[in-house]
Amino acid sequence: MSYQHQVIMHQVIMRAHTRLRTGLPVGLVVILALLLSVAGCSNKPKERPERTESEHYEEVRKQLDRNNFLSAIDELRELEARFPYGDFAEQAQLDLIYTQYRALDYPATVATATRFIRNYPANAHMDYVLYMKGLANYNMQRGLFDRLVRTNRASRDLSSWRDAFRDFHELASRYPDSDYAPDARSRMVYIRNQMAAQELHVARYYARRSAYVAAINRAQQVVLHYQETPAVEEALAIMARAYRSLGEDELASRSQTVLVHNWPESEYLDSRQRVALEWWPRDERNWLSLITFDLL
């Protein structure tokens, strides 16, 4: 009974004593007091019955079927808190990885997937977890400009894509026959090309400023570590041209020979199959590049 109804009850009883002195029926007053007491107790809010683990997980599935990802995340976290070692513990973690990814919460997806890998290393769906972790890292690298216009990713930090490459590589190595392996391999090729393009971007920067040694070092990174990428062709041209500028004709000839052998029709070669002396990376920055800090 609430405090308000207790006060009313007290007032009715006091009035009953008053009616005794005035000769009014006491029974009527008592009946009214009992009715008020029952009404007060009936207005007390009913407590929500405790749900079992299966009932709780059924609610999670309902939210997922409706694409209510934020509500599903709340339900999954509550399920984890109440039943950390229940029958649905592992499946709930898998659902949480998927739900956080669909909610575009990529850092949380990576954190949940990392925890799952640590806690359930023998899970039958480990290939799926590695794939989702890689996808989250892959999409974490993309920003607002990437969704609207074409941007120059080579000039930015690619740490998230490096993490994604490791995730996809682990997936393809450990589970080569997985349904997710083909897509993982294709994304690895794309990421590798972007990392090579980043090294080439730095090599161009040094080359335009006549920092020949630094340009050669960066171009060598492309040739040694990113073979079979489109960036190798220009990297070899930069090496040949920079070596010649330093007076290292033998090293320049070696770089040029490799370039001619693999790309005989290269645009960086002249009619004598030599790297054109007038060729050099141009300053690619325009007004749009300047105001967006090389993002566009």
C-alpha atoms as a PDB file:
ATOM      1  CA  MET A   1       0.000   0.000   0.000  1.00  0.00           C
ATOM      2  CA  SER A   2       1.371   3.443  -0.913  1.00  0.00           C
ATOM      3  CA  TYR A   3       1.997   6.192   1.582  1.00  0.00           C
ATOM      4  CA  GLN A   4      -0.892   8.211   0.145  1.00  0.00           C
ATOM      5  CA  HIS A   5      -3.366   5.393   0.725  1.00  0.00           C
ATOM      6  CA  GLN A   6      -2.053   4.944   4.264  1.00  0.00           C
ATOM      7  CA  VAL A   7      -2.850   8.603   4.942  1.00  0.00           C
ATOM      8  CA  ILE A   8      -6.341   8.191   3.513  1.00  0.00           C
ATOM      9  CA  MET A   9      -6.839   5.079   5.612  1.00  0.00           C
ATOM     10  CA  HIS A  10      -5.828   6.969   8.748  1.00  0.00           C
ATOM     11  CA  GLN A  11      -8.244   9.802   7.930  1.00  0.00           C
ATOM     12  CA  VAL A  12     -11.137   7.349   7.416  1.00  0.00           C
ATOM     13  CA  ILE A  13     -10.464   5.684  10.772  1.00  0.00           C
ATOM     14  CA  MET A  14     -10.380   9.046  12.526  1.00  0.00           C
ATOM     15  CA  ARG A  15     -13.675   9.956  10.911  1.00  0.00           C
ATOM     16  CA  ALA A  16     -15.081   6.613  12.087  1.00  0.00           C
ATOM     17  CA  HIS A  17     -14.378   7.634  15.652  1.00  0.00           C
ATOM     18  CA  THR A  18     -16.100  10.923  14.977  1.00  0.00           C
ATOM     19  CA  ARG A  19     -19.164   9.135  13.581  1.00  0.00           C
ATOM     20  CA  LEU A  20     -19.380   7.036  16.761  1.00  0.00           C
ATOM     21  CA  ARG A  21     -19.940  10.229  18.708  1.00  0.00           C
ATOM     22  CA  THR A  22     -22.519  11.471  16.181  1.00  0.00           C
ATOM     23  CA  GLY A  23     -24.393   8.159  15.983  1.00  0.00           C
ATOM     24  CA  LEU A  24     -23.665   7.254  12.291  1.00  0.00           C
ATOM     25  CA  PRO A  25     -23.214   3.544  11.413  1.00  0.00           C
ATOM     26  CA  VAL A  26     -19.645   2.412  12.037  1.00  0.00           C
ATOM     27  CA  GLY A  27     -19.943  -0.581   9.662  1.00  0.00           C
ATOM     28  CA  LEU A  28     -20.355   1.706   6.683  1.00  0.00           C
ATOM     29  CA  VAL A  29     -17.182   3.560   7.544  1.00  0.00           C
ATOM     30  CA  VAL A  30     -15.192   0.322   7.969  1.00  0.00           C
ATOM     31  CA  ILE A  31     -16.401  -1.039   4.613  1.00  0.00           C
ATOM     32  CA  LEU A  32     -15.281   2.144   2.885  1.00  0.00           C
ATOM     33  CA  ALA A  33     -11.866   1.873   4.523  1.00  0.00           C
ATOM     34  CA  LEU A  34     -11.445  -1.725   3.346  1.00  0.00           C
ATOM     35  CA  LEU A  35     -12.418  -0.807  -0.234  1.00  0.00           C
ATOM     36  CA  LEU A  36      -9.836   1.970  -0.285  1.00  0.00           C
ATOM     37  CA  SER A  37      -7.208  -0.404   1.053  1.00  0.00           C
ATOM     38  CA  VAL A  38      -7.912  -2.992  -1.664  1.00  0.00           C
ATOM     39  CA  ALA A  39      -7.885  -0.315  -4.371  1.00  0.00           C
ATOM     40  CA  GLY A  40      -4.532   0.971  -3.155  1.00  0.00           C
ATOM     41  CA  CYS A  41      -2.961  -2.474  -3.216  1.00  0.00           C
ATOM     42  CA  SER A  42      -4.346  -3.227  -6.686  1.00  0.00           C
ATOM     43  CA  ASN A  43      -2.645  -0.125  -8.126  1.00  0.00           C
ATOM     44  CA  LYS A  44       0.816  -1.406  -7.161  1.00  0.00           C
ATOM     45  CA  PRO A  45       2.831  -2.030 -10.395  1.00  0.00           C
ATOM     46  CA  LYS A  46       3.416  -5.652 -11.265  1.00  0.00           C
ATOM     47  CA  GLU A  47       7.018  -6.812 -11.496  1.00  0.00           C
ATOM     48  CA  ARG A  48       8.231  -8.217 -14.829  1.00  0.00           C
ATOM     49  CA  PRO A  49       8.722 -11.960 -14.543  1.00  0.00           C
ATOM     50  CA  GLU A  50      12.279 -13.199 -14.935  1.00  0.00           C
ATOM     51  CA  ARG A  51      13.001 -14.629 -18.389  1.00  0.00           C
ATOM     52  CA  THR A  52      14.825 -17.873 -18.898  1.00  0.00           C
ATOM     53  CA  GLU A  53      17.923 -17.996 -21.068  1.00  0.00           C
ATOM     54  CA  SER A  54      16.031 -19.492 -23.997  1.00  0.00           C
ATOM     55  CA  GLU A  55      13.282 -16.871 -23.714  1.00  0.00           C
ATOM     56  CA  HIS A  56      15.883 -14.134 -23.605  1.00  0.00           C
ATOM     57  CA  TYR A  57      17.635 -15.467 -26.696  1.00  0.00           C
ATOM     58  CA  GLU A  58      14.307 -15.797 -28.495  1.00  0.00           C
ATOM     59  CA  GLU A  59      13.809 -12.061 -27.956  1.00  0.00           C
ATOM     60  CA  VAL A  60      17.251 -11.453 -29.441  1.00  0.00           C
ATOM     61  CA  ARG A  61      16.288 -13.363 -32.569  1.00  0.00           C
ATOM     62  CA  LYS A  62      13.082 -11.348 -32.886  1.00  0.00           C
ATOM     63  CA  GLN A  63      15.034  -8.095 -32.805  1.00  0.00           C
ATOM     64  CA  LEU A  64      17.499  -9.394 -35.389  1.00  0.00           C
ATOM     65  CA  ASP A  65      14.689 -10.536 -37.692  1.00  0.00           C
ATOM     66  CA  ARG A  66      13.287  -6.995 -37.520  1.00  0.00           C
ATOM     67  CA  ASN A  67      16.733  -5.455 -38.166  1.00  0.00           C
ATOM     68  CA  ASN A  68      16.540  -3.657 -34.830  1.00  0.00           C
ATOM     69  CA  PHE A  69      20.288  -3.923 -34.331  1.00  0.00           C
ATOM     70  CA  LEU A  70      20.653  -1.469 -31.465  1.00  0.00           C
ATOM     71  CA  SER A  71      17.909  -3.212 -29.479  1.00  0.00           C
ATOM     72  CA  ALA A  72      19.478  -6.578 -30.301  1.00  0.00           C
ATOM     73  CA  ILE A  73      22.841  -5.362 -28.990  1.00  0.00           C
ATOM     74  CA  ASP A  74      21.243  -4.343 -25.687  1.00  0.00           C
ATOM     75  CA  GLU A  75      19.505  -7.707 -25.398  1.00  0.00           C
ATOM     76  CA  LEU A  76      22.711  -9.603 -26.190  1.00  0.00           C
ATOM     77  CA  ARG A  77      24.692  -7.693 -23.592  1.00  0.00           C
ATOM     78  CA  GLU A  78      22.027  -8.356 -20.981  1.00  0.00           C
ATOM     79  CA  LEU A  79      22.009 -12.031 -21.945  1.00  0.00           C
ATOM     80  CA  GLU A  80      25.789 -12.157 -21.567  1.00  0.00           C
ATOM     81  CA  ALA A  81      25.619 -10.483 -18.155  1.00  0.00           C
ATOM     82  CA  ARG A  82      22.911 -12.791 -16.805  1.00  0.00           C
ATOM     83  CA  PHE A  83      24.055 -16.061 -18.395  1.00  0.00           C
ATOM     84  CA  PRO A  84      27.830 -15.780 -19.026  1.00  0.00           C
ATOM     85  CA  TYR A  85      28.252 -19.577 -19.117  1.00  0.00           C
ATOM     86  CA  GLY A  86      24.845 -20.536 -20.459  1.00  0.00           C
ATOM     87  CA  ASP A  87      23.906 -22.741 -23.387  1.00  0.00           C
ATOM     88  CA  PHE A  88      23.703 -19.734 -25.738  1.00  0.00           C
ATOM     89  CA  ALA A  89      26.926 -18.018 -24.613  1.00  0.00           C
ATOM     90  CA  GLU A  90      28.990 -18.767 -27.713  1.00  0.00           C
ATOM     91  CA  GLN A  91      26.147 -18.203 -30.167  1.00  0.00           C
ATOM     92  CA  ALA A  92      25.275 -14.924 -28.474  1.00  0.00           C
ATOM     93  CA  GLN A  93      28.857 -13.728 -29.003  1.00  0.00           C
ATOM     94  CA  LEU A  94      28.662 -14.651 -32.687  1.00  0.00           C
ATOM     95  CA  ASP A  95      25.392 -12.761 -32.994  1.00  0.00           C
ATOM     96  CA  LEU A  96      26.923  -9.773 -31.210  1.00  0.00           C
ATOM     97  CA  ILE A  97      29.788  -9.644 -33.733  1.00  0.00           C
ATOM     98  CA  TYR A  98      27.319  -9.648 -36.610  1.00  0.00           C
ATOM     99  CA  THR A  99      24.970  -7.138 -34.966  1.00  0.00           C
ATOM    100  CA  GLN A 100      27.709  -4.651 -34.121  1.00  0.00           C
ATOM    101  CA  TYR A 101      28.993  -4.870 -37.686  1.00  0.00           C
ATOM    102  CA  ARG A 102      25.517  -4.206 -39.100  1.00  0.00           C
ATOM    103  CA  ALA A 103      25.177  -1.270 -36.706  1.00  0.00           C
ATOM    104  CA  LEU A 104      28.411   0.135 -38.255  1.00  0.00           C
ATOM    105  CA  ASP A 105      30.216  -0.043 -34.921  1.00  0.00           C
ATOM    106  CA  TYR A 106      33.442  -1.396 -36.384  1.00  0.00           C
ATOM    107  CA  PRO A 107      35.741  -0.854 -33.360  1.00  0.00           C
ATOM    108  CA  ALA A 108      33.291  -2.784 -31.154  1.00  0.00           C
ATOM    109  CA  THR A 109      33.112  -5.540 -33.792  1.00  0.00           C
ATOM    110  CA  VAL A 110      36.897  -5.923 -33.749  1.00  0.00           C
ATOM    111  CA  ALA A 111      36.970  -5.949 -29.934  1.00  0.00           C
ATOM    112  CA  THR A 112      34.221  -8.581 -29.666  1.00  0.00           C
ATOM    113  CA  ALA A 113      35.803 -10.759 -32.362  1.00  0.00           C
ATOM    114  CA  THR A 114      39.206 -10.544 -30.655  1.00  0.00           C
ATOM    115  CA  ARG A 115      37.681 -11.606 -27.355  1.00  0.00           C
ATOM    116  CA  PHE A 116      35.839 -14.479 -29.034  1.00  0.00           C
ATOM    117  CA  ILE A 117      39.053 -15.751 -30.648  1.00  0.00           C
ATOM    118  CA  ARG A 118      40.745 -15.708 -27.261  1.00  0.00           C
ATOM    119  CA  ASN A 119      37.878 -17.365 -25.348  1.00  0.00           C
ATOM    120  CA  TYR A 120      36.714 -19.942 -27.929  1.00  0.00           C
ATOM    121  CA  PRO A 121      39.754 -20.914 -30.045  1.00  0.00           C
ATOM    122  CA  ALA A 122      38.232 -24.267 -31.048  1.00  0.00           C
ATOM    123  CA  ASN A 123      34.880 -22.904 -32.186  1.00  0.00           C
ATOM    124  CA  ALA A 124      33.618 -24.372 -35.450  1.00  0.00           C
ATOM    125  CA  HIS A 125      32.844 -20.894 -36.824  1.00  0.00           C
ATOM    126  CA  MET A 126      36.305 -19.416 -36.344  1.00  0.00           C
ATOM    127  CA  ASP A 127      36.632 -18.716 -40.082  1.00  0.00           C
ATOM    128  CA  TYR A 128      33.502 -16.556 -39.881  1.00  0.00           C
ATOM    129  CA  VAL A 129      34.872 -14.632 -36.881  1.00  0.00           C
ATOM    130  CA  LEU A 130      38.178 -13.936 -38.656  1.00  0.00           C
ATOM    131  CA  TYR A 131      36.281 -12.805 -41.748  1.00  0.00           C
ATOM    132  CA  MET A 132      34.053 -10.421 -39.797  1.00  0.00           C
ATOM    133  CA  LYS A 133      37.043  -9.015 -37.927  1.00  0.00           C
ATOM    134  CA  GLY A 134      38.810  -8.430 -41.230  1.00  0.00           C
ATOM    135  CA  LEU A 135      35.742  -6.757 -42.722  1.00  0.00           C
ATOM    136  CA  ALA A 136      35.436  -4.451 -39.710  1.00  0.00           C
ATOM    137  CA  ASN A 137      39.084  -3.398 -39.994  1.00  0.00           C
ATOM    138  CA  TYR A 138      38.675  -3.025 -43.758  1.00  0.00           C
ATOM    139  CA  ASN A 139      35.657  -0.727 -43.438  1.00  0.00           C
ATOM    140  CA  MET A 140      37.205   1.171 -40.535  1.00  0.00           C
ATOM    141  CA  GLN A 141      39.747   2.562 -43.009  1.00  0.00           C
ATOM    142  CA  ARG A 142      37.000   4.072 -45.124  1.00  0.00           C
ATOM    143  CA  GLY A 143      35.839   7.556 -44.217  1.00  0.00           C
ATOM    144  CA  LEU A 144      33.041   9.893 -45.224  1.00  0.00           C
ATOM    145  CA  PHE A 145      34.850  11.126 -48.351  1.00  0.00           C
ATOM    146  CA  ASP A 146      35.362   7.548 -49.547  1.00  0.00           C
ATOM    147  CA  ARG A 147      31.601   7.014 -49.652  1.00  0.00           C
ATOM    148  CA  LEU A 148      30.967  10.213 -51.588  1.00  0.00           C
ATOM    149  CA  VAL A 149      33.898  10.715 -53.956  1.00  0.00           C
ATOM    150  CA  ARG A 150      37.060   8.982 -55.060  1.00  0.00           C
ATOM    151  CA  THR A 151      39.866   9.779 -52.636  1.00  0.00           C
ATOM    152  CA  ASN A 152      43.621   9.270 -52.584  1.00  0.00           C
ATOM    153  CA  ARG A 153      44.119   6.606 -49.917  1.00  0.00           C
ATOM    154  CA  ALA A 154      47.843   6.319 -50.627  1.00  0.00           C
ATOM    155  CA  SER A 155      48.528   9.554 -48.757  1.00  0.00           C
ATOM    156  CA  ARG A 156      46.870   8.368 -45.537  1.00  0.00           C
ATOM    157  CA  ASP A 157      47.689   6.003 -42.693  1.00  0.00           C
ATOM    158  CA  LEU A 158      46.654   2.480 -43.678  1.00  0.00           C
ATOM    159  CA  SER A 159      47.043   0.823 -40.265  1.00  0.00           C
ATOM    160  CA  SER A 160      43.482  -0.530 -40.223  1.00  0.00           C
ATOM    161  CA  TRP A 161      43.958  -2.063 -43.665  1.00  0.00           C
ATOM    162  CA  ARG A 162      47.184  -3.660 -42.478  1.00  0.00           C
ATOM    163  CA  ASP A 163      45.222  -5.240 -39.625  1.00  0.00           C
ATOM    164  CA  ALA A 164      42.570  -6.368 -42.107  1.00  0.00           C
ATOM    165  CA  PHE A 165      45.260  -7.904 -44.316  1.00  0.00           C
ATOM    166  CA  ARG A 166      46.545  -9.950 -41.364  1.00  0.00           C
ATOM    167  CA  ASP A 167      43.012 -11.105 -40.510  1.00  0.00           C
ATOM    168  CA  PHE A 168      42.283 -12.165 -44.096  1.00  0.00           C
ATOM    169  CA  HIS A 169      45.685 -13.819 -44.410  1.00  0.00           C
ATOM    170  CA  GLU A 170      45.081 -15.861 -41.246  1.00  0.00           C
ATOM    171  CA  LEU A 171      41.670 -16.873 -42.555  1.00  0.00           C
ATOM    172  CA  ALA A 172      43.024 -17.928 -45.960  1.00  0.00           C
ATOM    173  CA  SER A 173      45.939 -19.811 -44.367  1.00  0.00           C
ATOM    174  CA  ARG A 174      44.038 -21.659 -41.654  1.00  0.00           C
ATOM    175  CA  TYR A 175      40.820 -22.268 -43.581  1.00  0.00           C
ATOM    176  CA  PRO A 176      41.690 -22.335 -47.314  1.00  0.00           C
ATOM    177  CA  ASP A 177      38.448 -24.145 -48.181  1.00  0.00           C
ATOM    178  CA  SER A 178      36.208 -21.775 -46.232  1.00  0.00           C
ATOM    179  CA  ASP A 179      33.338 -20.084 -48.050  1.00  0.00           C
ATOM    180  CA  TYR A 180      34.819 -16.757 -46.944  1.00  0.00           C
ATOM    181  CA  ALA A 181      38.344 -17.468 -48.236  1.00  0.00           C
ATOM    182  CA  PRO A 182      37.836 -16.337 -51.885  1.00  0.00           C
ATOM    183  CA  ASP A 183      36.541 -12.916 -50.885  1.00  0.00           C
ATOM    184  CA  ALA A 184      39.301 -12.609 -48.276  1.00  0.00           C
ATOM    185  CA  ARG A 185      41.955 -13.309 -50.924  1.00  0.00           C
ATOM    186  CA  SER A 186      40.534 -10.722 -53.332  1.00  0.00           C
ATOM    187  CA  ARG A 187      40.500  -8.101 -50.586  1.00  0.00           C
ATOM    188  CA  MET A 188      44.101  -8.992 -49.734  1.00  0.00           C
ATOM    189  CA  VAL A 189      45.119  -8.253 -53.328  1.00  0.00           C
ATOM    190  CA  TYR A 190      43.391  -4.878 -53.215  1.00  0.00           C
ATOM    191  CA  ILE A 191      44.914  -3.945 -49.837  1.00  0.00           C
ATOM    192  CA  ARG A 192      48.371  -5.003 -51.017  1.00  0.00           C
ATOM    193  CA  ASN A 193      48.034  -2.783 -54.083  1.00  0.00           C
ATOM    194  CA  GLN A 194      47.043   0.131 -51.866  1.00  0.00           C
ATOM    195  CA  MET A 195      50.016  -0.396 -49.552  1.00  0.00           C
ATOM    196  CA  ALA A 196      52.342  -0.497 -52.575  1.00  0.00           C
ATOM    197  CA  ALA A 197      50.730   2.686 -53.872  1.00  0.00           C
ATOM    198  CA  GLN A 198      51.423   4.352 -50.529  1.00  0.00           C
ATOM    199  CA  GLU A 199      55.130   3.514 -50.745  1.00  0.00           C
ATOM    200  CA  LEU A 200      55.186   4.781 -54.329  1.00  0.00           C
ATOM    201  CA  HIS A 201      53.412   7.968 -53.234  1.00  0.00           C
ATOM    202  CA  VAL A 202      56.261   8.678 -50.785  1.00  0.00           C
ATOM    203  CA  ALA A 203      58.882   7.785 -53.405  1.00  0.00           C
ATOM    204  CA  ARG A 204      57.335  10.326 -55.790  1.00  0.00           C
ATOM    205  CA  TYR A 205      57.382  12.943 -53.042  1.00  0.00           C
ATOM    206  CA  TYR A 206      61.145  12.538 -52.524  1.00  0.00           C
ATOM    207  CA  ALA A 207      61.806  12.277 -56.247  1.00  0.00           C
ATOM    208  CA  ARG A 208      60.061  15.603 -56.964  1.00  0.00           C
ATOM    209  CA  ARG A 209      62.311  17.233 -54.356  1.00  0.00           C
ATOM    210  CA  SER A 210      65.502  15.659 -55.760  1.00  0.00           C
ATOM    211  CA  ALA A 211      65.996  13.617 -52.582  1.00  0.00           C
ATOM    212  CA  TYR A 212      67.399  10.771 -54.659  1.00  0.00           C
ATOM    213  CA  VAL A 213      68.588   8.451 -51.897  1.00  0.00           C
ATOM    214  CA  ALA A 214      65.251   8.640 -50.049  1.00  0.00           C
ATOM    215  CA  ALA A 215      63.358   8.111 -53.320  1.00  0.00           C
ATOM    216  CA  ILE A 216      65.455   5.027 -54.108  1.00  0.00           C
ATOM    217  CA  ASN A 217      64.878   3.556 -50.652  1.00  0.00           C
ATOM    218  CA  ARG A 218      61.111   3.906 -50.952  1.00  0.00           C
ATOM    219  CA  ALA A 219      61.053   2.576 -54.507  1.00  0.00           C
ATOM    220  CA  GLN A 220      63.094  -0.440 -53.405  1.00  0.00           C
ATOM    221  CA  GLN A 221      60.466  -1.226 -50.762  1.00  0.00           C
ATOM    222  CA  VAL A 222      57.898  -1.486 -53.545  1.00  0.00           C
ATOM    223  CA  VAL A 223      60.080  -3.752 -55.688  1.00  0.00           C
ATOM    224  CA  LEU A 224      61.110  -6.045 -52.828  1.00  0.00           C
ATOM    225  CA  HIS A 225      57.917  -6.347 -50.806  1.00  0.00           C
ATOM    226  CA  TYR A 226      55.093  -5.664 -53.271  1.00  0.00           C
ATOM    227  CA  GLN A 227      55.998  -7.646 -56.344  1.00  0.00           C
ATOM    228  CA  GLU A 228      53.297  -8.203 -58.945  1.00  0.00           C
ATOM    229  CA  THR A 229      51.568  -4.940 -58.043  1.00  0.00           C
ATOM    230  CA  PRO A 230      50.998  -2.112 -60.549  1.00  0.00           C
ATOM    231  CA  ALA A 231      53.292   0.174 -58.530  1.00  0.00           C
ATOM    232  CA  VAL A 232      56.459  -1.812 -59.383  1.00  0.00           C
ATOM    233  CA  GLU A 233      56.710  -0.423 -62.919  1.00  0.00           C
ATOM    234  CA  GLU A 234      57.006   3.217 -61.852  1.00  0.00           C
ATOM    235  CA  ALA A 235      59.168   2.277 -58.844  1.00  0.00           C
ATOM    236  CA  LEU A 236      61.764   0.765 -61.188  1.00  0.00           C
ATOM    237  CA  ALA A 237      61.671   3.887 -63.348  1.00  0.00           C
ATOM    238  CA  ILE A 238      62.259   6.093 -60.301  1.00  0.00           C
ATOM    239  CA  MET A 239      65.193   3.916 -59.227  1.00  0.00           C
ATOM    240  CA  ALA A 240      66.794   4.018 -62.676  1.00  0.00           C
ATOM    241  CA  ARG A 241      66.375   7.782 -63.002  1.00  0.00           C
ATOM    242  CA  ALA A 242      67.556   8.493 -59.422  1.00  0.00           C
ATOM    243  CA  TYR A 243      70.611   6.250 -59.713  1.00  0.00           C
ATOM    244  CA  ARG A 244      71.603   7.983 -62.933  1.00  0.00           C
ATOM    245  CA  SER A 245      71.230  11.360 -61.252  1.00  0.00           C
ATOM    246  CA  LEU A 246      73.592  10.151 -58.510  1.00  0.00           C
ATOM    247  CA  GLY A 247      76.124   8.942 -61.059  1.00  0.00           C
ATOM    248  CA  GLU A 248      75.489   5.252 -60.282  1.00  0.00           C
ATOM    249  CA  ASP A 249      75.225   4.141 -63.910  1.00  0.00           C
ATOM    250  CA  GLU A 250      75.592   0.406 -63.194  1.00  0.00           C
ATOM    251  CA  LEU A 251      72.739   0.377 -60.659  1.00  0.00           C
ATOM    252  CA  ALA A 252      70.658   2.525 -62.979  1.00  0.00           C
ATOM    253  CA  SER A 253      71.263   0.031 -65.810  1.00  0.00           C
ATOM    254  CA  ARG A 254      70.145  -2.886 -63.621  1.00  0.00           C
ATOM    255  CA  SER A 255      66.893  -1.196 -62.692  1.00  0.00           C
ATOM    256  CA  GLN A 256      66.285  -0.239 -66.293  1.00  0.00           C
ATOM    257  CA  THR A 257      66.962  -3.812 -67.499  1.00  0.00           C
ATOM    258  CA  VAL A 258      64.357  -5.231 -65.112  1.00  0.00           C
ATOM    259  CA  LEU A 259      61.876  -2.585 -66.253  1.00  0.00           C
ATOM    260  CA  VAL A 260      62.462  -3.359 -69.945  1.00  0.00           C
ATOM    261  CA  HIS A 261      62.236  -7.113 -69.377  1.00  0.00           C
ATOM    262  CA  ASN A 262      58.872  -6.924 -67.621  1.00  0.00           C
ATOM    263  CA  TRP A 263      57.333  -3.865 -69.296  1.00  0.00           C
ATOM    264  CA  PRO A 264      58.873  -3.440 -72.743  1.00  0.00           C
ATOM    265  CA  GLU A 265      56.087  -1.050 -73.746  1.00  0.00           C
ATOM    266  CA  SER A 266      56.298   1.029 -70.591  1.00  0.00           C
ATOM    267  CA  GLU A 267      55.398   4.682 -70.903  1.00  0.00           C
ATOM    268  CA  TYR A 268      58.529   5.520 -68.908  1.00  0.00           C
ATOM    269  CA  LEU A 269      60.836   4.225 -71.688  1.00  0.00           C
ATOM    270  CA  ASP A 270      61.910   6.140 -74.752  1.00  0.00           C
ATOM    271  CA  SER A 271      62.439   4.788 -78.271  1.00  0.00           C
ATOM    272  CA  ARG A 272      65.859   3.406 -77.273  1.00  0.00           C
ATOM    273  CA  GLN A 273      64.350   1.383 -74.416  1.00  0.00           C
ATOM    274  CA  ARG A 274      65.881   3.653 -71.831  1.00  0.00           C
ATOM    275  CA  VAL A 275      64.166   5.574 -69.070  1.00  0.00           C
ATOM    276  CA  ALA A 276      63.536   8.956 -70.607  1.00  0.00           C
ATOM    277  CA  LEU A 277      65.813  11.591 -69.117  1.00  0.00           C
ATOM    278  CA  GLU A 278      63.089  14.235 -69.358  1.00  0.00           C
ATOM    279  CA  TRP A 279      60.700  12.047 -67.385  1.00  0.00           C
ATOM    280  CA  TRP A 280      60.277  12.637 -63.666  1.00  0.00           C
ATOM    281  CA  PRO A 281      57.251  12.391 -61.332  1.00  0.00           C
ATOM    282  CA  ARG A 282      55.237  15.574 -61.684  1.00  0.00           C
ATOM    283  CA  ASP A 283      53.887  17.592 -58.795  1.00  0.00           C
ATOM    284  CA  GLU A 284      50.368  16.160 -58.644  1.00  0.00           C
ATOM    285  CA  ARG A 285      48.998  18.661 -56.120  1.00  0.00           C
ATOM    286  CA  ASN A 286      46.268  20.977 -57.392  1.00  0.00           C
ATOM    287  CA  TRP A 287      43.974  23.400 -55.571  1.00  0.00           C
ATOM    288  CA  LEU A 288      41.587  20.581 -54.545  1.00  0.00           C
ATOM    289  CA  SER A 289      44.501  18.531 -53.200  1.00  0.00           C
ATOM    290  CA  LEU A 290      45.776  21.513 -51.233  1.00  0.00           C
ATOM    291  CA  ILE A 291      42.525  22.379 -49.470  1.00  0.00           C
ATOM    292  CA  THR A 292      41.814  18.707 -48.600  1.00  0.00           C
ATOM    293  CA  PHE A 293      45.398  17.904 -47.494  1.00  0.00           C
ATOM    294  CA  ASP A 294      45.943  15.362 -50.315  1.00  0.00           C
ATOM    295  CA  LEU A 295      42.700  13.484 -49.555  1.00  0.00           C
ATOM    296  CA  LEU A 296      41.179  14.345 -52.961  1.00  0.00           C
END
